[in-house]
N, C-alpha and C. Protein backbone atom coordinates (compact mmCIF):
# COMPACT_ATOMS: atom_id res chain seq x y z
N MET A 1 -18.48 -1.56 27.93
CA MET A 1 -17.12 -1.23 27.60
C MET A 1 -17.13 -0.12 26.55
N THR A 2 -16.36 0.92 26.75
CA THR A 2 -16.30 2.03 25.80
C THR A 2 -15.25 1.78 24.73
N PRO A 3 -15.53 2.21 23.49
CA PRO A 3 -14.55 2.02 22.43
C PRO A 3 -13.36 2.97 22.60
N ASP A 4 -12.24 2.61 22.01
CA ASP A 4 -11.05 3.45 22.06
C ASP A 4 -11.27 4.63 21.13
N LEU A 5 -11.25 5.85 21.68
CA LEU A 5 -11.50 7.04 20.89
C LEU A 5 -10.22 7.82 20.60
N SER A 6 -9.09 7.13 20.60
CA SER A 6 -7.85 7.82 20.29
C SER A 6 -7.86 8.22 18.81
N LYS A 7 -7.21 9.31 18.52
CA LYS A 7 -7.22 9.83 17.15
C LYS A 7 -5.95 9.42 16.43
N LEU A 8 -6.11 9.12 15.16
CA LEU A 8 -5.01 8.71 14.30
C LEU A 8 -4.87 9.73 13.17
N SER A 9 -3.69 9.80 12.57
CA SER A 9 -3.44 10.74 11.48
C SER A 9 -3.77 10.10 10.13
N PHE A 10 -4.45 10.88 9.28
CA PHE A 10 -4.80 10.45 7.93
C PHE A 10 -4.51 11.59 6.97
N VAL A 11 -4.13 11.24 5.74
CA VAL A 11 -3.83 12.24 4.71
C VAL A 11 -4.96 12.22 3.68
N VAL A 12 -5.40 13.40 3.28
CA VAL A 12 -6.46 13.55 2.28
C VAL A 12 -5.87 13.25 0.90
N THR A 13 -6.55 12.40 0.12
CA THR A 13 -6.08 12.02 -1.22
C THR A 13 -6.67 12.95 -2.28
N ASP A 14 -6.20 12.79 -3.52
CA ASP A 14 -6.70 13.58 -4.64
C ASP A 14 -8.15 13.25 -4.98
N ALA A 15 -8.64 12.10 -4.53
CA ALA A 15 -10.02 11.69 -4.82
C ALA A 15 -11.05 12.39 -3.93
N ALA A 16 -10.58 13.12 -2.94
CA ALA A 16 -11.49 13.77 -1.98
C ALA A 16 -12.19 14.97 -2.59
N GLY A 17 -13.39 15.19 -2.10
CA GLY A 17 -14.13 16.39 -2.47
C GLY A 17 -13.71 17.52 -1.54
N PRO A 18 -14.53 18.58 -1.48
CA PRO A 18 -14.16 19.73 -0.65
C PRO A 18 -14.27 19.46 0.85
N LYS A 19 -15.01 18.42 1.25
CA LYS A 19 -15.15 18.09 2.67
C LYS A 19 -14.87 16.62 2.91
N VAL A 20 -14.18 16.36 4.01
CA VAL A 20 -13.91 14.99 4.46
C VAL A 20 -14.23 14.96 5.95
N ALA A 21 -15.04 14.01 6.35
CA ALA A 21 -15.45 13.87 7.76
C ALA A 21 -16.01 15.19 8.30
N GLY A 22 -16.73 15.91 7.44
CA GLY A 22 -17.37 17.15 7.85
C GLY A 22 -16.44 18.35 7.94
N ARG A 23 -15.22 18.21 7.45
CA ARG A 23 -14.24 19.30 7.53
C ARG A 23 -13.84 19.74 6.13
N VAL A 24 -13.65 21.02 5.95
CA VAL A 24 -13.19 21.55 4.67
C VAL A 24 -11.70 21.21 4.53
N VAL A 25 -11.35 20.55 3.41
CA VAL A 25 -9.98 20.08 3.22
C VAL A 25 -9.54 20.28 1.78
N LYS A 26 -8.26 20.06 1.55
CA LYS A 26 -7.72 19.99 0.20
C LYS A 26 -6.75 18.80 0.17
N PRO A 27 -6.48 18.24 -1.00
CA PRO A 27 -5.56 17.09 -1.07
C PRO A 27 -4.22 17.40 -0.42
N GLY A 28 -3.73 16.44 0.36
CA GLY A 28 -2.46 16.59 1.06
C GLY A 28 -2.60 17.03 2.51
N ASP A 29 -3.78 17.54 2.89
CA ASP A 29 -4.00 17.92 4.29
C ASP A 29 -3.94 16.68 5.18
N THR A 30 -3.53 16.87 6.41
CA THR A 30 -3.49 15.80 7.40
C THR A 30 -4.57 16.05 8.43
N LEU A 31 -5.36 15.02 8.71
CA LEU A 31 -6.45 15.12 9.68
C LEU A 31 -6.24 14.14 10.82
N LEU A 32 -6.68 14.51 12.01
CA LEU A 32 -6.72 13.59 13.14
C LEU A 32 -8.16 13.11 13.28
N LEU A 33 -8.36 11.81 13.11
CA LEU A 33 -9.71 11.23 13.17
C LEU A 33 -9.70 9.98 14.02
N THR A 34 -10.85 9.69 14.64
CA THR A 34 -10.99 8.41 15.32
C THR A 34 -11.22 7.34 14.25
N GLU A 35 -11.11 6.09 14.63
CA GLU A 35 -11.38 5.01 13.68
C GLU A 35 -12.80 5.10 13.16
N PHE A 36 -13.73 5.46 14.02
CA PHE A 36 -15.14 5.58 13.63
C PHE A 36 -15.31 6.70 12.60
N GLU A 37 -14.68 7.86 12.83
CA GLU A 37 -14.78 8.98 11.89
C GLU A 37 -14.14 8.65 10.55
N ALA A 38 -13.08 7.87 10.56
CA ALA A 38 -12.31 7.57 9.34
C ALA A 38 -12.87 6.42 8.53
N ARG A 39 -13.68 5.56 9.12
CA ARG A 39 -14.08 4.31 8.47
C ARG A 39 -14.64 4.50 7.07
N SER A 40 -15.69 5.28 6.90
CA SER A 40 -16.31 5.41 5.57
C SER A 40 -15.41 6.19 4.61
N GLU A 41 -14.63 7.14 5.13
CA GLU A 41 -13.73 7.91 4.28
C GLU A 41 -12.60 7.02 3.74
N LEU A 42 -12.11 6.09 4.57
CA LEU A 42 -11.10 5.13 4.12
C LEU A 42 -11.67 4.22 3.04
N LEU A 43 -12.87 3.71 3.26
CA LEU A 43 -13.51 2.83 2.27
C LEU A 43 -13.75 3.55 0.95
N ALA A 44 -14.04 4.85 1.01
CA ALA A 44 -14.27 5.63 -0.21
C ALA A 44 -12.96 6.01 -0.90
N GLY A 45 -11.84 5.84 -0.22
CA GLY A 45 -10.55 6.16 -0.80
C GLY A 45 -10.19 7.64 -0.79
N VAL A 46 -10.86 8.42 0.06
CA VAL A 46 -10.57 9.86 0.09
C VAL A 46 -9.53 10.23 1.16
N ILE A 47 -9.16 9.27 2.01
CA ILE A 47 -8.06 9.45 2.96
C ILE A 47 -7.25 8.18 2.99
N ARG A 48 -6.03 8.30 3.50
CA ARG A 48 -5.17 7.13 3.71
C ARG A 48 -4.41 7.36 5.00
N PRO A 49 -3.97 6.29 5.66
CA PRO A 49 -3.19 6.46 6.89
C PRO A 49 -1.92 7.26 6.61
N ALA A 50 -1.58 8.15 7.51
CA ALA A 50 -0.38 8.98 7.37
C ALA A 50 0.85 8.19 7.78
N THR A 51 1.96 8.47 7.12
CA THR A 51 3.24 7.89 7.54
C THR A 51 3.72 8.68 8.75
N GLU A 52 4.77 8.22 9.39
CA GLU A 52 5.28 8.90 10.59
C GLU A 52 5.72 10.33 10.28
N THR A 53 6.31 10.57 9.13
CA THR A 53 6.76 11.92 8.79
C THR A 53 5.59 12.84 8.47
N GLU A 54 4.53 12.31 7.86
CA GLU A 54 3.35 13.11 7.55
C GLU A 54 2.54 13.44 8.79
N ALA A 55 2.56 12.57 9.77
CA ALA A 55 1.77 12.76 10.98
C ALA A 55 2.22 13.99 11.77
N VAL A 56 3.44 14.44 11.57
CA VAL A 56 3.95 15.60 12.29
C VAL A 56 3.29 16.88 11.80
N ALA A 57 2.94 16.95 10.53
CA ALA A 57 2.38 18.17 9.93
C ALA A 57 0.85 18.16 9.98
N GLU A 58 0.29 18.05 11.16
CA GLU A 58 -1.16 17.96 11.29
C GLU A 58 -1.82 19.32 11.10
N VAL A 59 -2.93 19.31 10.40
CA VAL A 59 -3.72 20.52 10.20
C VAL A 59 -4.74 20.59 11.32
N PRO A 60 -4.81 21.71 12.06
CA PRO A 60 -5.79 21.79 13.14
C PRO A 60 -7.21 21.71 12.59
N ALA A 61 -8.04 20.92 13.23
CA ALA A 61 -9.42 20.76 12.79
C ALA A 61 -10.26 21.93 13.27
N ASP A 62 -11.17 22.34 12.45
CA ASP A 62 -12.11 23.40 12.81
C ASP A 62 -13.26 22.72 13.55
N ASP A 63 -13.38 22.97 14.85
CA ASP A 63 -14.40 22.30 15.65
C ASP A 63 -15.79 22.87 15.48
N LYS A 64 -15.91 23.94 14.70
CA LYS A 64 -17.22 24.52 14.48
C LYS A 64 -17.98 23.69 13.45
N PRO A 65 -19.26 23.42 13.68
CA PRO A 65 -20.02 22.69 12.67
C PRO A 65 -20.21 23.54 11.42
N ALA A 66 -20.32 22.90 10.28
CA ALA A 66 -20.51 23.63 9.04
C ALA A 66 -21.87 24.32 9.04
N ARG A 67 -21.89 25.54 8.51
CA ARG A 67 -23.15 26.30 8.45
C ARG A 67 -23.96 25.85 7.27
N ARG A 68 -25.23 25.67 7.48
CA ARG A 68 -26.14 25.30 6.40
C ARG A 68 -26.85 26.54 5.90
N ARG A 69 -27.04 26.59 4.64
CA ARG A 69 -27.76 27.74 4.05
C ARG A 69 -29.10 27.31 3.56
């Protein structure tokens, strides 16, 4: 049985660093993440579930992997 991979909206909190779930973000940004992608970030307190009004203002995710130097 495959897990449900639907994406949910989450808002980046002030406790977040420069990256959340591998994406460059700033506090207040809205991200679409699967439950699996959001799990550790939720536990760390760097994201929270978005309300219905916040979910409308989604920030498009950059699908490119971060470059390592």
